[in-house]
C-alpha atoms as a PDB file:
ATOM      1  CA  UNK A   1      11.940  -6.721   8.345  1.00  0.00           C
ATOM      2  CA  UNK A   2       8.547  -6.250   6.721  1.00  0.00           C
ATOM      3  CA  UNK A   3       8.819  -2.484   6.508  1.00  0.00           C
ATOM      4  CA  UNK A   4      12.000  -2.741   4.433  1.00  0.00           C
ATOM      5  CA  UNK A   5      10.200  -4.926   1.876  1.00  0.00           C
ATOM      6  CA  UNK A   6       7.291  -2.484   1.767  1.00  0.00           C
ATOM      7  CA  UNK A   7       9.793   0.357   1.333  1.00  0.00           C
ATOM      8  CA  UNK A   8      11.501  -1.560  -1.471  1.00  0.00           C
ATOM      9  CA  UNK A   9       8.288  -2.300  -3.336  1.00  0.00           C
ATOM     10  CA  UNK A  10       7.267   1.338  -3.029  1.00  0.00           C
ATOM     11  CA  UNK A  11      10.627   2.332  -4.521  1.00  0.00           C
ATOM     12  CA  UNK A  12       9.884   0.039  -7.466  1.00  0.00           C
ATOM     13  CA  UNK A  13       6.622   1.895  -7.960  1.00  0.00           C
ATOM     14  CA  UNK A  14       8.431   5.234  -7.666  1.00  0.00           C
ATOM     15  CA  UNK A  15      10.759   4.148 -10.459  1.00  0.00           C
ATOM     16  CA  UNK A  16       7.760   3.262 -12.626  1.00  0.00           C
ATOM     17  CA  UNK A  17       6.087   6.560 -11.735  1.00  0.00           C
ATOM     18  CA  UNK A  18       9.067   8.563 -12.962  1.00  0.00           C
ATOM     19  CA  UNK A  19       8.157   7.429 -16.486  1.00  0.00           C
ATOM     20  CA  UNK A  20       4.626   8.884 -16.314  1.00  0.00           C
ATOM     21  CA  UNK A  21       3.184  12.346 -16.816  1.00  0.00           C
ATOM     22  CA  UNK A  22       1.942  12.181 -13.204  1.00  0.00           C
ATOM     23  CA  UNK A  23       5.314  11.499 -11.644  1.00  0.00           C
ATOM     24  CA  UNK A  24       5.071  14.337  -9.098  1.00  0.00           C
ATOM     25  CA  UNK A  25       1.787  13.284  -7.431  1.00  0.00           C
ATOM     26  CA  UNK A  26       2.918   9.661  -7.405  1.00  0.00           C
ATOM     27  CA  UNK A  27       6.320  10.469  -5.967  1.00  0.00           C
ATOM     28  CA  UNK A  28       4.821  12.729  -3.298  1.00  0.00           C
ATOM     29  CA  UNK A  29       2.288  10.053  -2.327  1.00  0.00           C
ATOM     30  CA  UNK A  30       4.959   7.357  -2.099  1.00  0.00           C
ATOM     31  CA  UNK A  31       7.202   9.618  -0.022  1.00  0.00           C
ATOM     32  CA  UNK A  32       4.338  10.297   2.368  1.00  0.00           C
ATOM     33  CA  UNK A  33       3.664   6.581   2.792  1.00  0.00           C
ATOM     34  CA  UNK A  34       7.324   5.830   3.422  1.00  0.00           C
ATOM     35  CA  UNK A  35       7.717   8.642   5.946  1.00  0.00           C
ATOM     36  CA  UNK A  36       4.630   7.612   7.883  1.00  0.00           C
ATOM     37  CA  UNK A  37       5.707   3.975   7.928  1.00  0.00           C
ATOM     38  CA  UNK A  38       9.260   4.819   9.007  1.00  0.00           C
ATOM     39  CA  UNK A  39       8.020   7.019  11.849  1.00  0.00           C
ATOM     40  CA  UNK A  40       5.817   4.185  13.075  1.00  0.00           C
ATOM     41  CA  UNK A  41       8.473   1.458  12.788  1.00  0.00           C
ATOM     42  CA  UNK A  42      10.986   3.610  14.667  1.00  0.00           C
ATOM     43  CA  UNK A  43       8.642   3.812  17.635  1.00  0.00           C
ATOM     44  CA  UNK A  44       6.855   6.973  16.621  1.00  0.00           C
ATOM     45  CA  UNK A  45       3.195   7.667  16.304  1.00  0.00           C
ATOM     46  CA  UNK A  46       0.950   5.868  13.878  1.00  0.00           C
ATOM     47  CA  UNK A  47      -1.073   9.011  13.208  1.00  0.00           C
ATOM     48  CA  UNK A  48       1.002   9.705  10.095  1.00  0.00           C
ATOM     49  CA  UNK A  49      -0.133   6.433   8.582  1.00  0.00           C
ATOM     50  CA  UNK A  50      -3.788   7.167   9.231  1.00  0.00           C
ATOM     51  CA  UNK A  51      -3.447  10.764   7.970  1.00  0.00           C
ATOM     52  CA  UNK A  52      -1.817   9.820   4.649  1.00  0.00           C
ATOM     53  CA  UNK A  53      -5.025   9.974   2.551  1.00  0.00           C
ATOM     54  CA  UNK A  54      -5.870  13.451   3.801  1.00  0.00           C
ATOM     55  CA  UNK A  55      -2.517  14.755   2.543  1.00  0.00           C
ATOM     56  CA  UNK A  56      -2.974  13.599  -1.035  1.00  0.00           C
ATOM     57  CA  UNK A  57      -3.144  16.379  -3.599  1.00  0.00           C
ATOM     58  CA  UNK A  58      -6.035  16.762  -6.047  1.00  0.00           C
ATOM     59  CA  UNK A  59      -4.124  15.088  -8.873  1.00  0.00           C
ATOM     60  CA  UNK A  60      -3.517  11.978  -6.795  1.00  0.00           C
ATOM     61  CA  UNK A  61      -7.149  11.830  -5.692  1.00  0.00           C
ATOM     62  CA  UNK A  62      -8.205  12.086  -9.340  1.00  0.00           C
ATOM     63  CA  UNK A  63      -5.868   9.214 -10.260  1.00  0.00           C
ATOM     64  CA  UNK A  64      -7.437   7.095  -7.533  1.00  0.00           C
ATOM     65  CA  UNK A  65     -10.943   8.010  -8.679  1.00  0.00           C
ATOM     66  CA  UNK A  66     -10.252   6.864 -12.241  1.00  0.00           C
ATOM     67  CA  UNK A  67      -8.564   3.722 -10.894  1.00  0.00           C
ATOM     68  CA  UNK A  68      -5.170   4.290 -12.468  1.00  0.00           C
ATOM     69  CA  UNK A  69      -3.175   1.106 -11.801  1.00  0.00           C
ATOM     70  CA  UNK A  70      -0.213   2.873 -10.189  1.00  0.00           C
ATOM     71  CA  UNK A  71      -2.520   4.804  -7.871  1.00  0.00           C
ATOM     72  CA  UNK A  72      -4.261   1.553  -6.941  1.00  0.00           C
ATOM     73  CA  UNK A  73      -0.907  -0.105  -6.259  1.00  0.00           C
ATOM     74  CA  UNK A  74      -0.044   2.729  -3.895  1.00  0.00           C
ATOM     75  CA  UNK A  75      -3.418   2.419  -2.175  1.00  0.00           C
ATOM     76  CA  UNK A  76      -2.831  -1.317  -1.873  1.00  0.00           C
ATOM     77  CA  UNK A  77       0.456  -0.592  -0.117  1.00  0.00           C
ATOM     78  CA  UNK A  78      -1.420   1.757   2.187  1.00  0.00           C
ATOM     79  CA  UNK A  79      -3.668  -1.174   3.085  1.00  0.00           C
ATOM     80  CA  UNK A  80      -0.605  -3.303   3.780  1.00  0.00           C
ATOM     81  CA  UNK A  81       0.798  -0.600   6.052  1.00  0.00           C
ATOM     82  CA  UNK A  82      -2.521  -0.232   7.905  1.00  0.00           C
ATOM     83  CA  UNK A  83      -2.452  -3.981   8.444  1.00  0.00           C
ATOM     84  CA  UNK A  84       0.665  -3.407  10.563  1.00  0.00           C
ATOM     85  CA  UNK A  85      -1.691  -1.623  12.993  1.00  0.00           C
ATOM     86  CA  UNK A  86      -4.161  -4.533  13.197  1.00  0.00           C
ATOM     87  CA  UNK A  87      -3.581  -4.906  16.937  1.00  0.00           C
ATOM     88  CA  UNK A  88      -5.407  -1.596  17.434  1.00  0.00           C
ATOM     89  CA  UNK A  89      -9.159  -2.060  17.819  1.00  0.00           C
ATOM     90  CA  UNK A  90      -9.952   0.629  15.247  1.00  0.00           C
ATOM     91  CA  UNK A  91      -7.683  -0.847  12.566  1.00  0.00           C
ATOM     92  CA  UNK A  92      -8.450  -4.588  12.903  1.00  0.00           C
ATOM     93  CA  UNK A  93      -9.252  -5.805   9.371  1.00  0.00           C
ATOM     94  CA  UNK A  94      -9.252  -2.434   7.617  1.00  0.00           C
ATOM     95  CA  UNK A  95      -5.972  -2.982   5.798  1.00  0.00           C
ATOM     96  CA  UNK A  96      -6.921  -6.504   4.801  1.00  0.00           C
ATOM     97  CA  UNK A  97     -10.273  -5.369   3.401  1.00  0.00           C
ATOM     98  CA  UNK A  98      -8.635  -2.544   1.468  1.00  0.00           C
ATOM     99  CA  UNK A  99      -6.100  -4.881  -0.120  1.00  0.00           C
ATOM    100  CA  UNK A 100      -8.832  -7.418  -0.906  1.00  0.00           C
ATOM    101  CA  UNK A 101     -10.853  -4.718  -2.661  1.00  0.00           C
ATOM    102  CA  UNK A 102      -7.954  -3.432  -4.751  1.00  0.00           C
ATOM    103  CA  UNK A 103      -6.144  -6.578  -5.851  1.00  0.00           C
ATOM    104  CA  UNK A 104      -8.708  -7.933  -8.355  1.00  0.00           C
ATOM    105  CA  UNK A 105      -8.869  -4.636 -10.273  1.00  0.00           C
ATOM    106  CA  UNK A 106      -5.117  -4.205 -10.115  1.00  0.00           C
ATOM    107  CA  UNK A 107      -4.474  -7.781 -11.179  1.00  0.00           C
ATOM    108  CA  UNK A 108      -6.689  -7.266 -14.247  1.00  0.00           C
ATOM    109  CA  UNK A 109      -4.763  -4.183 -15.367  1.00  0.00           C
ATOM    110  CA  UNK A 110      -1.213  -4.606 -14.050  1.00  0.00           C
ATOM    111  CA  UNK A 111      -0.475  -8.050 -12.698  1.00  0.00           C
ATOM    112  CA  UNK A 112       3.140  -7.122 -11.974  1.00  0.00           C
ATOM    113  CA  UNK A 113       2.051  -4.320  -9.660  1.00  0.00           C
ATOM    114  CA  UNK A 114      -0.523  -6.586  -8.036  1.00  0.00           C
ATOM    115  CA  UNK A 115       2.384  -8.939  -7.378  1.00  0.00           C
ATOM    116  CA  UNK A 116       4.285  -6.095  -5.658  1.00  0.00           C
ATOM    117  CA  UNK A 117       1.327  -5.474  -3.362  1.00  0.00           C
ATOM    118  CA  UNK A 118       1.062  -9.213  -2.748  1.00  0.00           C
ATOM    119  CA  UNK A 119       4.781  -9.432  -1.870  1.00  0.00           C
ATOM    120  CA  UNK A 120       4.462  -6.552   0.572  1.00  0.00           C
ATOM    121  CA  UNK A 121       1.371  -8.221   2.061  1.00  0.00           C
ATOM    122  CA  UNK A 122       3.227 -11.481   2.540  1.00  0.00           C
ATOM    123  CA  UNK A 123       6.105  -9.715   4.291  1.00  0.00           C
ATOM    124  CA  UNK A 124       3.802  -7.914   6.708  1.00  0.00           C
ATOM    125  CA  UNK A 125       1.713 -10.959   7.546  1.00  0.00           C
ATOM    126  CA  UNK A 126       4.891 -13.016   7.850  1.00  0.00           C
ATOM    127  CA  UNK A 127       3.169 -15.905   6.131  1.00  0.00           C
ATOM    128  CA  UNK A 128       4.020 -16.539   2.516  1.00  0.00           C
ATOM    129  CA  UNK A 129       1.635 -19.454   2.048  1.00  0.00           C
ATOM    130  CA  UNK A 130      -0.887 -19.257  -0.765  1.00  0.00           C
ATOM    131  CA  UNK A 131      -3.814 -19.497   1.636  1.00  0.00           C
ATOM    132  CA  UNK A 132      -2.877 -16.178   3.224  1.00  0.00           C
ATOM    133  CA  UNK A 133      -3.381 -13.792   0.337  1.00  0.00           C
ATOM    134  CA  UNK A 134      -5.629 -10.775   0.103  1.00  0.00           C
ATOM    135  CA  UNK A 135      -7.244 -12.304  -2.970  1.00  0.00           C
ATOM    136  CA  UNK A 136      -8.587 -15.208  -0.927  1.00  0.00           C
ATOM    137  CA  UNK A 137      -9.799 -15.680   2.619  1.00  0.00           C
ATOM    138  CA  UNK A 138      -7.221 -14.038   4.829  1.00  0.00           C
ATOM    139  CA  UNK A 139      -6.104 -15.549   8.087  1.00  0.00           C
ATOM    140  CA  UNK A 140      -3.659 -12.915   9.401  1.00  0.00           C
END
Protein backbone atom coordinates (compact mmCIF):
# COMPACT_ATOMS: atom_id res chain seq x y z
CA UNK A 1 0.00 0.00 0.00
CA UNK A 2 1.39 3.40 -0.95
CA UNK A 3 0.51 5.03 2.35
CA UNK A 4 2.60 2.49 4.27
CA UNK A 5 5.66 3.37 2.17
CA UNK A 6 5.03 7.08 2.73
CA UNK A 7 4.65 6.37 6.45
CA UNK A 8 7.91 4.40 6.42
CA UNK A 9 9.88 7.10 4.63
CA UNK A 10 8.52 9.69 7.04
CA UNK A 11 9.70 7.52 9.93
CA UNK A 12 13.17 7.50 8.38
CA UNK A 13 13.08 11.28 8.37
CA UNK A 14 11.85 11.30 11.97
CA UNK A 15 14.86 9.20 12.94
CA UNK A 16 17.17 11.69 11.21
CA UNK A 17 15.35 14.59 12.86
CA UNK A 18 15.97 13.19 16.33
CA UNK A 19 19.66 13.97 15.79
CA UNK A 20 19.05 17.69 15.15
CA UNK A 21 18.52 20.69 17.39
CA UNK A 22 15.09 21.11 15.75
CA UNK A 23 13.83 17.64 16.52
CA UNK A 24 10.57 18.83 18.12
CA UNK A 25 9.25 20.89 15.18
CA UNK A 26 10.28 18.15 12.75
CA UNK A 27 8.70 15.40 14.81
CA UNK A 28 5.48 17.37 15.26
CA UNK A 29 5.29 18.10 11.52
CA UNK A 30 5.88 14.46 10.60
CA UNK A 31 3.26 13.30 13.11
CA UNK A 32 0.75 15.73 11.63
CA UNK A 33 1.41 14.44 8.11
CA UNK A 34 1.05 10.83 9.20
CA UNK A 35 -2.17 11.46 11.11
CA UNK A 36 -3.76 13.32 8.22
CA UNK A 37 -2.74 10.62 5.75
CA UNK A 38 -3.98 7.81 8.00
CA UNK A 39 -7.35 9.50 8.49
CA UNK A 40 -7.73 9.83 4.73
CA UNK A 41 -6.64 6.27 3.90
CA UNK A 42 -9.04 4.86 6.50
CA UNK A 43 -11.96 6.51 4.76
CA UNK A 44 -11.92 9.74 6.70
CA UNK A 45 -11.85 13.28 5.49
CA UNK A 46 -9.03 14.71 3.45
CA UNK A 47 -9.32 18.08 5.17
CA UNK A 48 -6.51 17.11 7.56
CA UNK A 49 -4.13 16.74 4.65
CA UNK A 50 -5.00 20.14 3.24
CA UNK A 51 -4.83 21.79 6.68
CA UNK A 52 -1.36 20.44 7.54
CA UNK A 53 0.57 23.60 6.55
CA UNK A 54 -1.63 25.82 8.68
CA UNK A 55 -0.77 23.76 11.77
CA UNK A 56 2.98 24.15 11.45
CA UNK A 57 4.64 26.04 14.29
CA UNK A 58 6.84 29.09 13.72
CA UNK A 59 10.05 27.07 14.00
CA UNK A 60 8.96 24.72 11.24
CA UNK A 61 7.91 27.60 9.00
CA UNK A 62 11.32 29.20 9.56
CA UNK A 63 13.05 25.94 8.60
CA UNK A 64 11.04 25.84 5.39
CA UNK A 65 11.84 29.48 4.64
CA UNK A 66 15.58 28.88 4.91
CA UNK A 67 15.21 25.69 2.85
CA UNK A 68 16.59 23.29 5.43
CA UNK A 69 16.89 19.92 3.66
CA UNK A 70 14.87 17.98 6.23
CA UNK A 71 12.07 20.55 6.09
CA UNK A 72 12.10 20.32 2.29
CA UNK A 73 11.95 16.53 2.47
CA UNK A 74 8.88 16.79 4.67
CA UNK A 75 7.29 19.28 2.28
CA UNK A 76 8.08 16.91 -0.58
CA UNK A 77 6.23 14.17 1.27
CA UNK A 78 3.32 16.56 1.69
CA UNK A 79 3.29 16.94 -2.09
CA UNK A 80 3.26 13.16 -2.46
CA UNK A 81 0.32 12.91 -0.07
CA UNK A 82 -1.59 15.66 -1.90
CA UNK A 83 -1.02 13.70 -5.09
CA UNK A 84 -3.19 10.97 -3.55
CA UNK A 85 -6.05 13.48 -3.87
CA UNK A 86 -5.43 14.16 -7.58
CA UNK A 87 -8.90 12.91 -8.50
CA UNK A 88 -10.35 16.01 -6.82
CA UNK A 89 -10.62 18.95 -9.21
CA UNK A 90 -8.94 21.34 -6.76
CA UNK A 91 -5.92 19.08 -6.17
CA UNK A 92 -5.18 17.87 -9.74
CA UNK A 93 -1.45 18.52 -10.29
CA UNK A 94 -0.74 20.43 -7.08
CA UNK A 95 1.19 17.62 -5.42
CA UNK A 96 3.15 16.88 -8.57
CA UNK A 97 4.13 20.53 -9.00
CA UNK A 98 5.18 20.80 -5.36
CA UNK A 99 7.40 17.73 -5.61
CA UNK A 100 8.86 18.97 -8.91
CA UNK A 101 9.74 22.29 -7.28
CA UNK A 102 11.40 20.74 -4.24
CA UNK A 103 13.38 17.83 -5.64
CA UNK A 104 16.14 19.76 -7.46
CA UNK A 105 17.02 21.80 -4.35
CA UNK A 106 16.79 18.75 -2.13
CA UNK A 107 18.84 16.63 -4.49
CA UNK A 108 21.61 19.26 -4.45
CA UNK A 109 21.81 19.27 -0.65
CA UNK A 110 20.71 15.81 0.49
CA UNK A 111 20.41 13.29 -2.31
CA UNK A 112 19.49 10.52 0.12
CA UNK A 113 16.45 12.46 1.32
CA UNK A 114 15.53 13.32 -2.26
CA UNK A 115 15.60 9.58 -2.88
CA UNK A 116 13.15 9.06 0.02
CA UNK A 117 10.75 11.55 -1.53
CA UNK A 118 11.23 9.87 -4.90
CA UNK A 119 10.49 6.42 -3.40
CA UNK A 120 7.32 7.72 -1.78
CA UNK A 121 6.35 9.34 -5.10
CA UNK A 122 6.84 6.08 -6.96
CA UNK A 123 4.69 4.19 -4.46
CA UNK A 124 1.83 6.68 -4.73
CA UNK A 125 1.89 6.87 -8.51
CA UNK A 126 2.22 3.09 -8.67
CA UNK A 127 4.68 3.43 -11.51
CA UNK A 128 8.33 2.95 -10.72
CA UNK A 129 9.60 3.66 -14.23
CA UNK A 130 12.21 6.36 -14.67
CA UNK A 131 9.95 8.39 -16.94
CA UNK A 132 7.48 8.95 -14.11
CA UNK A 133 9.56 10.99 -11.70
CA UNK A 134 8.89 14.42 -10.29
CA UNK A 135 12.26 15.55 -11.63
CA UNK A 136 11.12 14.98 -15.21
CA UNK A 137 7.85 15.24 -17.08
CA UNK A 138 5.29 13.48 -14.95
CA UNK A 139 2.61 11.28 -16.42
CA UNK A 140 0.62 10.25 -13.32
